[in-house]
């Protein structure tokens, strides 16, 4: 392979190639996809537009109520949060279905180590970029999960904890992720209502209670999921889960 040895350009080219290749191997909604109930969506597809666009829409709407809401932090988390799902080496796990995430959080450490591993391409500057980017990647975790992830990371723990004072952004990003789960399911259901009904029911049943909590706890979030929406969801579930 011929290279011009453009230093940072060549290193970044290798970094981006690994991330794209690895994320394209990670299938989201795997259980439903394997049953033919969901379109093929990779972690690369997810990271490319949907999560970033939704973050912009929700973030700018909520900023009316929280003027200090850090949109850059939210967008940075949206961009970085699934980099640990890239499948590059044996043992890399890809996307984990939501029910499994609830039962076992061991995947978090694996994904965190994969996220850090990507930055080896930046050689002597890898630690500098990791300490800058890690707080945004870690916005997706609650405080207990964060403590567990960083317990053995003496190199970056101090800086991450010093900069990690974004509790509002953490809650908003979690709300955005859960909202997108329902949006993804609604998209499938709208296109294939009979085939994808069971998927839609599963995801509504899992995520609607959380969305209702965020609607109450985050000013302005009821624009995206209101009490009336929640009542319609409950009626829909009751009608189809008899």
C-alpha atoms as a PDB file:
ATOM      1  CA  UNK A   1       0.000   0.000   0.000  1.00  0.00           C
ATOM      2  CA  UNK A   2       1.465   3.330  -1.086  1.00  0.00           C
ATOM      3  CA  UNK A   3       1.320   6.240   1.323  1.00  0.00           C
ATOM      4  CA  UNK A   4       2.396   9.838   1.089  1.00  0.00           C
ATOM      5  CA  UNK A   5       3.283   9.791   4.803  1.00  0.00           C
ATOM      6  CA  UNK A   6       1.177  12.835   5.536  1.00  0.00           C
ATOM      7  CA  UNK A   7       1.519  12.174   9.258  1.00  0.00           C
ATOM      8  CA  UNK A   8      -1.810  13.093  10.867  1.00  0.00           C
ATOM      9  CA  UNK A   9      -3.778  12.611   7.630  1.00  0.00           C
ATOM     10  CA  UNK A  10      -2.598   9.019   7.225  1.00  0.00           C
ATOM     11  CA  UNK A  11      -3.254   8.257  10.902  1.00  0.00           C
ATOM     12  CA  UNK A  12      -6.757   9.730  10.767  1.00  0.00           C
ATOM     13  CA  UNK A  13      -7.457   7.860   7.520  1.00  0.00           C
ATOM     14  CA  UNK A  14      -6.648   4.598   9.327  1.00  0.00           C
ATOM     15  CA  UNK A  15      -8.768   5.605  12.339  1.00  0.00           C
ATOM     16  CA  UNK A  16     -11.809   6.457  10.211  1.00  0.00           C
ATOM     17  CA  UNK A  17     -11.425   3.306   8.083  1.00  0.00           C
ATOM     18  CA  UNK A  18     -11.393   1.088  11.189  1.00  0.00           C
ATOM     19  CA  UNK A  19     -14.433   2.786  12.704  1.00  0.00           C
ATOM     20  CA  UNK A  20     -16.499   2.659   9.506  1.00  0.00           C
ATOM     21  CA  UNK A  21     -15.610  -0.967   8.748  1.00  0.00           C
ATOM     22  CA  UNK A  22     -16.239  -2.049  12.327  1.00  0.00           C
ATOM     23  CA  UNK A  23     -19.552  -0.228  12.756  1.00  0.00           C
ATOM     24  CA  UNK A  24     -20.856  -1.623   9.456  1.00  0.00           C
ATOM     25  CA  UNK A  25     -20.378  -5.134  10.907  1.00  0.00           C
ATOM     26  CA  UNK A  26     -22.460  -4.311  13.986  1.00  0.00           C
ATOM     27  CA  UNK A  27     -26.152  -5.058  13.340  1.00  0.00           C
ATOM     28  CA  UNK A  28     -28.719  -3.190  15.426  1.00  0.00           C
ATOM     29  CA  UNK A  29     -32.059  -4.737  16.389  1.00  0.00           C
ATOM     30  CA  UNK A  30     -30.376  -8.065  15.630  1.00  0.00           C
ATOM     31  CA  UNK A  31     -33.074 -10.335  17.060  1.00  0.00           C
ATOM     32  CA  UNK A  32     -35.796  -8.685  14.987  1.00  0.00           C
ATOM     33  CA  UNK A  33     -33.613  -8.441  11.881  1.00  0.00           C
ATOM     34  CA  UNK A  34     -32.823 -12.161  12.009  1.00  0.00           C
ATOM     35  CA  UNK A  35     -36.552 -12.890  12.175  1.00  0.00           C
ATOM     36  CA  UNK A  36     -37.197 -10.651   9.158  1.00  0.00           C
ATOM     37  CA  UNK A  37     -39.124  -8.124  11.264  1.00  0.00           C
ATOM     38  CA  UNK A  38     -36.737  -5.174  10.984  1.00  0.00           C
ATOM     39  CA  UNK A  39     -34.713  -3.613   8.210  1.00  0.00           C
ATOM     40  CA  UNK A  40     -30.949  -4.088   8.282  1.00  0.00           C
ATOM     41  CA  UNK A  41     -29.592  -1.203  10.311  1.00  0.00           C
ATOM     42  CA  UNK A  42     -25.931  -1.112  11.305  1.00  0.00           C
ATOM     43  CA  UNK A  43     -24.307   0.964  14.014  1.00  0.00           C
ATOM     44  CA  UNK A  44     -22.757   2.957  11.156  1.00  0.00           C
ATOM     45  CA  UNK A  45     -26.223   3.795   9.787  1.00  0.00           C
ATOM     46  CA  UNK A  46     -27.387   4.833  13.241  1.00  0.00           C
ATOM     47  CA  UNK A  47     -24.344   7.014  13.866  1.00  0.00           C
ATOM     48  CA  UNK A  48     -24.526   8.620  10.446  1.00  0.00           C
ATOM     49  CA  UNK A  49     -27.668  10.745  10.681  1.00  0.00           C
ATOM     50  CA  UNK A  50     -30.621   9.737  12.854  1.00  0.00           C
ATOM     51  CA  UNK A  51     -29.085  10.155  16.288  1.00  0.00           C
ATOM     52  CA  UNK A  52     -27.322  13.400  15.371  1.00  0.00           C
ATOM     53  CA  UNK A  53     -30.382  14.955  13.743  1.00  0.00           C
ATOM     54  CA  UNK A  54     -32.639  13.989  16.640  1.00  0.00           C
ATOM     55  CA  UNK A  55     -30.081  15.366  19.107  1.00  0.00           C
ATOM     56  CA  UNK A  56     -30.116  18.709  17.298  1.00  0.00           C
ATOM     57  CA  UNK A  57     -33.918  18.827  17.198  1.00  0.00           C
ATOM     58  CA  UNK A  58     -34.459  17.847  20.842  1.00  0.00           C
ATOM     59  CA  UNK A  59     -31.477  19.822  22.109  1.00  0.00           C
ATOM     60  CA  UNK A  60     -32.475  23.087  20.479  1.00  0.00           C
ATOM     61  CA  UNK A  61     -36.080  22.679  21.598  1.00  0.00           C
ATOM     62  CA  UNK A  62     -35.090  22.043  25.218  1.00  0.00           C
ATOM     63  CA  UNK A  63     -32.655  24.953  25.190  1.00  0.00           C
ATOM     64  CA  UNK A  64     -35.690  27.243  25.387  1.00  0.00           C
ATOM     65  CA  UNK A  65     -36.222  25.841  28.883  1.00  0.00           C
ATOM     66  CA  UNK A  66     -32.563  25.230  29.797  1.00  0.00           C
ATOM     67  CA  UNK A  67     -30.496  28.072  28.283  1.00  0.00           C
ATOM     68  CA  UNK A  68     -27.263  26.532  29.559  1.00  0.00           C
ATOM     69  CA  UNK A  69     -27.914  23.151  27.986  1.00  0.00           C
ATOM     70  CA  UNK A  70     -24.677  22.214  26.203  1.00  0.00           C
ATOM     71  CA  UNK A  71     -25.659  21.290  22.641  1.00  0.00           C
ATOM     72  CA  UNK A  72     -22.026  20.614  21.682  1.00  0.00           C
ATOM     73  CA  UNK A  73     -21.753  18.071  24.504  1.00  0.00           C
ATOM     74  CA  UNK A  74     -24.967  16.359  23.355  1.00  0.00           C
ATOM     75  CA  UNK A  75     -23.836  16.230  19.728  1.00  0.00           C
ATOM     76  CA  UNK A  76     -20.399  14.999  20.760  1.00  0.00           C
ATOM     77  CA  UNK A  77     -22.001  12.181  22.734  1.00  0.00           C
ATOM     78  CA  UNK A  78     -24.293  11.336  19.816  1.00  0.00           C
ATOM     79  CA  UNK A  79     -21.265  11.098  17.523  1.00  0.00           C
ATOM     80  CA  UNK A  80     -19.100   9.066  19.898  1.00  0.00           C
ATOM     81  CA  UNK A  81     -21.461   6.931  21.948  1.00  0.00           C
ATOM     82  CA  UNK A  82     -21.510   3.830  19.718  1.00  0.00           C
ATOM     83  CA  UNK A  83     -17.856   3.740  18.646  1.00  0.00           C
ATOM     84  CA  UNK A  84     -17.357   0.914  21.117  1.00  0.00           C
ATOM     85  CA  UNK A  85     -19.723  -1.230  19.037  1.00  0.00           C
ATOM     86  CA  UNK A  86     -17.268  -1.485  16.147  1.00  0.00           C
ATOM     87  CA  UNK A  87     -16.391  -5.112  15.379  1.00  0.00           C
ATOM     88  CA  UNK A  88     -12.699  -5.168  14.501  1.00  0.00           C
ATOM     89  CA  UNK A  89     -11.008  -7.903  16.531  1.00  0.00           C
ATOM     90  CA  UNK A  90     -12.109 -11.279  17.966  1.00  0.00           C
ATOM     91  CA  UNK A  91     -14.093 -10.631  21.118  1.00  0.00           C
ATOM     92  CA  UNK A  92     -15.660  -7.375  19.908  1.00  0.00           C
ATOM     93  CA  UNK A  93     -19.372  -7.659  20.581  1.00  0.00           C
ATOM     94  CA  UNK A  94     -21.188  -5.107  18.411  1.00  0.00           C
ATOM     95  CA  UNK A  95     -24.608  -3.799  19.370  1.00  0.00           C
ATOM     96  CA  UNK A  96     -26.272  -5.457  22.364  1.00  0.00           C
ATOM     97  CA  UNK A  97     -30.098  -5.795  22.387  1.00  0.00           C
ATOM     98  CA  UNK A  98     -31.839  -3.663  24.996  1.00  0.00           C
ATOM     99  CA  UNK A  99     -33.130  -6.552  27.213  1.00  0.00           C
ATOM    100  CA  UNK A 100     -29.595  -7.997  27.428  1.00  0.00           C
ATOM    101  CA  UNK A 101     -28.205  -4.596  28.388  1.00  0.00           C
ATOM    102  CA  UNK A 102     -30.662  -4.542  31.271  1.00  0.00           C
ATOM    103  CA  UNK A 103     -29.644  -7.990  32.532  1.00  0.00           C
ATOM    104  CA  UNK A 104     -25.874  -7.659  32.208  1.00  0.00           C
ATOM    105  CA  UNK A 105     -23.700  -4.542  32.028  1.00  0.00           C
ATOM    106  CA  UNK A 106     -20.411  -6.325  31.233  1.00  0.00           C
ATOM    107  CA  UNK A 107     -20.686  -5.069  27.649  1.00  0.00           C
ATOM    108  CA  UNK A 108     -20.027  -1.530  28.888  1.00  0.00           C
ATOM    109  CA  UNK A 109     -16.439  -2.317  29.846  1.00  0.00           C
ATOM    110  CA  UNK A 110     -15.815  -4.117  26.550  1.00  0.00           C
ATOM    111  CA  UNK A 111     -17.207  -1.163  24.560  1.00  0.00           C
ATOM    112  CA  UNK A 112     -15.250   1.346  26.655  1.00  0.00           C
ATOM    113  CA  UNK A 113     -12.011  -0.536  25.957  1.00  0.00           C
ATOM    114  CA  UNK A 114     -12.816  -0.679  22.227  1.00  0.00           C
ATOM    115  CA  UNK A 115     -13.537   3.061  22.213  1.00  0.00           C
ATOM    116  CA  UNK A 116     -10.127   3.745  23.766  1.00  0.00           C
ATOM    117  CA  UNK A 117      -8.397   1.255  21.474  1.00  0.00           C
ATOM    118  CA  UNK A 118      -9.454   3.186  18.365  1.00  0.00           C
ATOM    119  CA  UNK A 119      -7.306   6.124  19.379  1.00  0.00           C
ATOM    120  CA  UNK A 120      -4.061   4.149  19.263  1.00  0.00           C
ATOM    121  CA  UNK A 121      -3.852   5.433  15.679  1.00  0.00           C
ATOM    122  CA  UNK A 122      -3.076   8.878  17.060  1.00  0.00           C
ATOM    123  CA  UNK A 123       0.087   7.519  18.647  1.00  0.00           C
ATOM    124  CA  UNK A 124       1.691  10.015  21.048  1.00  0.00           C
ATOM    125  CA  UNK A 125      -1.435  12.178  20.987  1.00  0.00           C
ATOM    126  CA  UNK A 126      -3.863   9.352  21.816  1.00  0.00           C
ATOM    127  CA  UNK A 127      -4.086  10.150  25.534  1.00  0.00           C
ATOM    128  CA  UNK A 128      -4.624  13.853  24.868  1.00  0.00           C
ATOM    129  CA  UNK A 129      -7.577  13.189  22.550  1.00  0.00           C
ATOM    130  CA  UNK A 130      -8.978  10.500  24.851  1.00  0.00           C
ATOM    131  CA  UNK A 131      -9.041  12.843  27.824  1.00  0.00           C
ATOM    132  CA  UNK A 132     -10.784  15.483  25.706  1.00  0.00           C
ATOM    133  CA  UNK A 133     -13.361  13.175  24.105  1.00  0.00           C
ATOM    134  CA  UNK A 134     -14.030  10.679  26.903  1.00  0.00           C
ATOM    135  CA  UNK A 135     -16.364  12.889  28.982  1.00  0.00           C
ATOM    136  CA  UNK A 136     -18.668  13.150  25.973  1.00  0.00           C
ATOM    137  CA  UNK A 137     -18.579   9.410  25.250  1.00  0.00           C
ATOM    138  CA  UNK A 138     -19.328   8.736  28.922  1.00  0.00           C
ATOM    139  CA  UNK A 139     -22.411  10.962  28.996  1.00  0.00           C
ATOM    140  CA  UNK A 140     -24.415   7.873  28.048  1.00  0.00           C
ATOM    141  CA  UNK A 141     -23.762   6.235  31.445  1.00  0.00           C
ATOM    142  CA  UNK A 142     -25.237   6.936  34.863  1.00  0.00           C
ATOM    143  CA  UNK A 143     -22.960   7.775  37.787  1.00  0.00           C
ATOM    144  CA  UNK A 144     -22.779   4.216  39.094  1.00  0.00           C
ATOM    145  CA  UNK A 145     -21.864   2.852  35.664  1.00  0.00           C
ATOM    146  CA  UNK A 146     -19.324   5.645  35.236  1.00  0.00           C
ATOM    147  CA  UNK A 147     -17.570   4.819  38.506  1.00  0.00           C
ATOM    148  CA  UNK A 148     -17.306   1.174  37.498  1.00  0.00           C
ATOM    149  CA  UNK A 149     -15.902   1.984  34.060  1.00  0.00           C
ATOM    150  CA  UNK A 150     -13.288   4.373  35.372  1.00  0.00           C
ATOM    151  CA  UNK A 151     -12.221   2.443  38.458  1.00  0.00           C
ATOM    152  CA  UNK A 152      -9.159   0.975  36.723  1.00  0.00           C
ATOM    153  CA  UNK A 153      -8.464   3.846  34.338  1.00  0.00           C
ATOM    154  CA  UNK A 154      -5.955   5.807  36.362  1.00  0.00           C
ATOM    155  CA  UNK A 155      -4.601   7.594  33.279  1.00  0.00           C
ATOM    156  CA  UNK A 156      -7.744   9.529  32.462  1.00  0.00           C
ATOM    157  CA  UNK A 157      -9.976   9.236  35.535  1.00  0.00           C
ATOM    158  CA  UNK A 158      -8.866  12.530  37.106  1.00  0.00           C
ATOM    159  CA  UNK A 159      -9.465  14.661  34.043  1.00  0.00           C
ATOM    160  CA  UNK A 160     -12.741  12.984  33.178  1.00  0.00           C
ATOM    161  CA  UNK A 161     -14.130  13.526  36.652  1.00  0.00           C
ATOM    162  CA  UNK A 162     -12.969  17.147  36.695  1.00  0.00           C
ATOM    163  CA  UNK A 163     -14.798  17.888  33.451  1.00  0.00           C
ATOM    164  CA  UNK A 164     -17.740  15.575  34.046  1.00  0.00           C
ATOM    165  CA  UNK A 165     -20.321  17.953  35.492  1.00  0.00           C
ATOM    166  CA  UNK A 166     -23.040  17.534  32.899  1.00  0.00           C
ATOM    167  CA  UNK A 167     -25.891  15.836  34.712  1.00  0.00           C
ATOM    168  CA  UNK A 168     -28.557  17.638  32.678  1.00  0.00           C
ATOM    169  CA  UNK A 169     -26.907  16.671  29.392  1.00  0.00           C
ATOM    170  CA  UNK A 170     -26.662  13.069  30.590  1.00  0.00           C
ATOM    171  CA  UNK A 171     -30.392  12.930  31.284  1.00  0.00           C
ATOM    172  CA  UNK A 172     -31.271  14.647  27.991  1.00  0.00           C
ATOM    173  CA  UNK A 173     -29.101  12.268  25.961  1.00  0.00           C
ATOM    174  CA  UNK A 174     -30.664   9.228  27.632  1.00  0.00           C
ATOM    175  CA  UNK A 175     -34.100  10.631  26.781  1.00  0.00           C
ATOM    176  CA  UNK A 176     -33.013  11.160  23.159  1.00  0.00           C
ATOM    177  CA  UNK A 177     -31.750   7.575  22.867  1.00  0.00           C
ATOM    178  CA  UNK A 178     -34.983   6.120  24.210  1.00  0.00           C
ATOM    179  CA  UNK A 179     -37.052   8.402  21.993  1.00  0.00           C
ATOM    180  CA  UNK A 180     -35.106   7.191  18.957  1.00  0.00           C
ATOM    181  CA  UNK A 181     -35.807   3.549  19.872  1.00  0.00           C
ATOM    182  CA  UNK A 182     -39.512   4.306  19.556  1.00  0.00           C
ATOM    183  CA  UNK A 183     -39.015   6.365  16.383  1.00  0.00           C
ATOM    184  CA  UNK A 184     -37.115   3.448  14.794  1.00  0.00           C
ATOM    185  CA  UNK A 185     -39.901   1.042  15.728  1.00  0.00           C
ATOM    186  CA  UNK A 186     -42.603   3.431  14.511  1.00  0.00           C
ATOM    187  CA  UNK A 187     -40.809   3.745  11.175  1.00  0.00           C
ATOM    188  CA  UNK A 188     -40.878  -0.035  10.704  1.00  0.00           C
ATOM    189  CA  UNK A 189     -44.494  -0.292  11.839  1.00  0.00           C
ATOM    190  CA  UNK A 190     -45.662   2.477   9.503  1.00  0.00           C
ATOM    191  CA  UNK A 191     -44.114   0.695   6.519  1.00  0.00           C
ATOM    192  CA  UNK A 192     -45.104  -2.866   7.485  1.00  0.00           C
ATOM    193  CA  UNK A 193     -47.941  -2.657  10.047  1.00  0.00           C
ATOM    194  CA  UNK A 194     -48.802  -6.340  10.121  1.00  0.00           C
ATOM    195  CA  UNK A 195     -45.319  -7.769   9.975  1.00  0.00           C
ATOM    196  CA  UNK A 196     -43.792  -5.313  12.470  1.00  0.00           C
ATOM    197  CA  UNK A 197     -46.630  -5.044  14.981  1.00  0.00           C
ATOM    198  CA  UNK A 198     -44.920  -7.338  17.494  1.00  0.00           C
ATOM    199  CA  UNK A 199     -41.710  -5.294  17.312  1.00  0.00           C
ATOM    200  CA  UNK A 200     -43.602  -2.060  17.839  1.00  0.00           C
ATOM    201  CA  UNK A 201     -45.447  -3.518  20.829  1.00  0.00           C
ATOM    202  CA  UNK A 202     -42.226  -4.792  22.421  1.00  0.00           C
ATOM    203  CA  UNK A 203     -40.446  -1.463  22.105  1.00  0.00           C
ATOM    204  CA  UNK A 204     -43.418   0.635  23.201  1.00  0.00           C
ATOM    205  CA  UNK A 205     -43.862  -1.606  26.238  1.00  0.00           C
ATOM    206  CA  UNK A 206     -40.168  -1.217  27.154  1.00  0.00           C
ATOM    207  CA  UNK A 207     -39.652   2.468  26.405  1.00  0.00           C
ATOM    208  CA  UNK A 208     -42.960   4.293  26.966  1.00  0.00           C
ATOM    209  CA  UNK A 209     -42.667   4.295  30.795  1.00  0.00           C
ATOM    210  CA  UNK A 210     -39.235   5.898  30.560  1.00  0.00           C
ATOM    211  CA  UNK A 211     -40.420   8.508  28.068  1.00  0.00           C
ATOM    212  CA  UNK A 212     -43.242   9.432  30.415  1.00  0.00           C
ATOM    213  CA  UNK A 213     -40.734   9.922  33.250  1.00  0.00           C
ATOM    214  CA  UNK A 214     -38.620  12.197  31.069  1.00  0.00           C
ATOM    215  CA  UNK A 215     -41.743  14.083  30.028  1.00  0.00           C
ATOM    216  CA  UNK A 216     -42.330  14.879  33.689  1.00  0.00           C
ATOM    217  CA  UNK A 217     -38.725  15.523  34.687  1.00  0.00           C
ATOM    218  CA  UNK A 218     -37.472  17.511  31.672  1.00  0.00           C
ATOM    219  CA  UNK A 219     -39.196  20.781  30.866  1.00  0.00           C
ATOM    220  CA  UNK A 220     -40.243  20.838  27.231  1.00  0.00           C
ATOM    221  CA  UNK A 221     -39.798  17.116  26.571  1.00  0.00           C
ATOM    222  CA  UNK A 222     -43.578  16.682  26.554  1.00  0.00           C
ATOM    223  CA  UNK A 223     -43.436  18.308  23.103  1.00  0.00           C
ATOM    224  CA  UNK A 224     -42.042  14.940  21.894  1.00  0.00           C
ATOM    225  CA  UNK A 225     -43.944  12.638  24.255  1.00  0.00           C
ATOM    226  CA  UNK A 226     -46.932  13.979  26.168  1.00  0.00           C
ATOM    227  CA  UNK A 227     -49.417  12.587  28.670  1.00  0.00           C
ATOM    228  CA  UNK A 228     -51.889  12.277  25.808  1.00  0.00           C
ATOM    229  CA  UNK A 229     -49.318  10.289  23.799  1.00  0.00           C
ATOM    230  CA  UNK A 230     -48.787   8.027  26.786  1.00  0.00           C
ATOM    231  CA  UNK A 231     -52.504   7.375  27.113  1.00  0.00           C
ATOM    232  CA  UNK A 232     -52.714   6.511  23.414  1.00  0.00           C
ATOM    233  CA  UNK A 233     -49.773   4.136  23.806  1.00  0.00           C
ATOM    234  CA  UNK A 234     -51.387   2.419  26.787  1.00  0.00           C
ATOM    235  CA  UNK A 235     -54.656   2.045  24.869  1.00  0.00           C
ATOM    236  CA  UNK A 236     -52.772   0.635  21.877  1.00  0.00           C
ATOM    237  CA  UNK A 237     -50.904  -1.863  24.083  1.00  0.00           C
ATOM    238  CA  UNK A 238     -54.084  -2.933  25.878  1.00  0.00           C
ATOM    239  CA  UNK A 239     -55.861  -3.474  22.583  1.00  0.00           C
ATOM    240  CA  UNK A 240     -53.119  -5.654  21.100  1.00  0.00           C
ATOM    241  CA  UNK A 241     -51.739  -7.457  24.149  1.00  0.00           C
ATOM    242  CA  UNK A 242     -55.000  -9.017  25.324  1.00  0.00           C
END
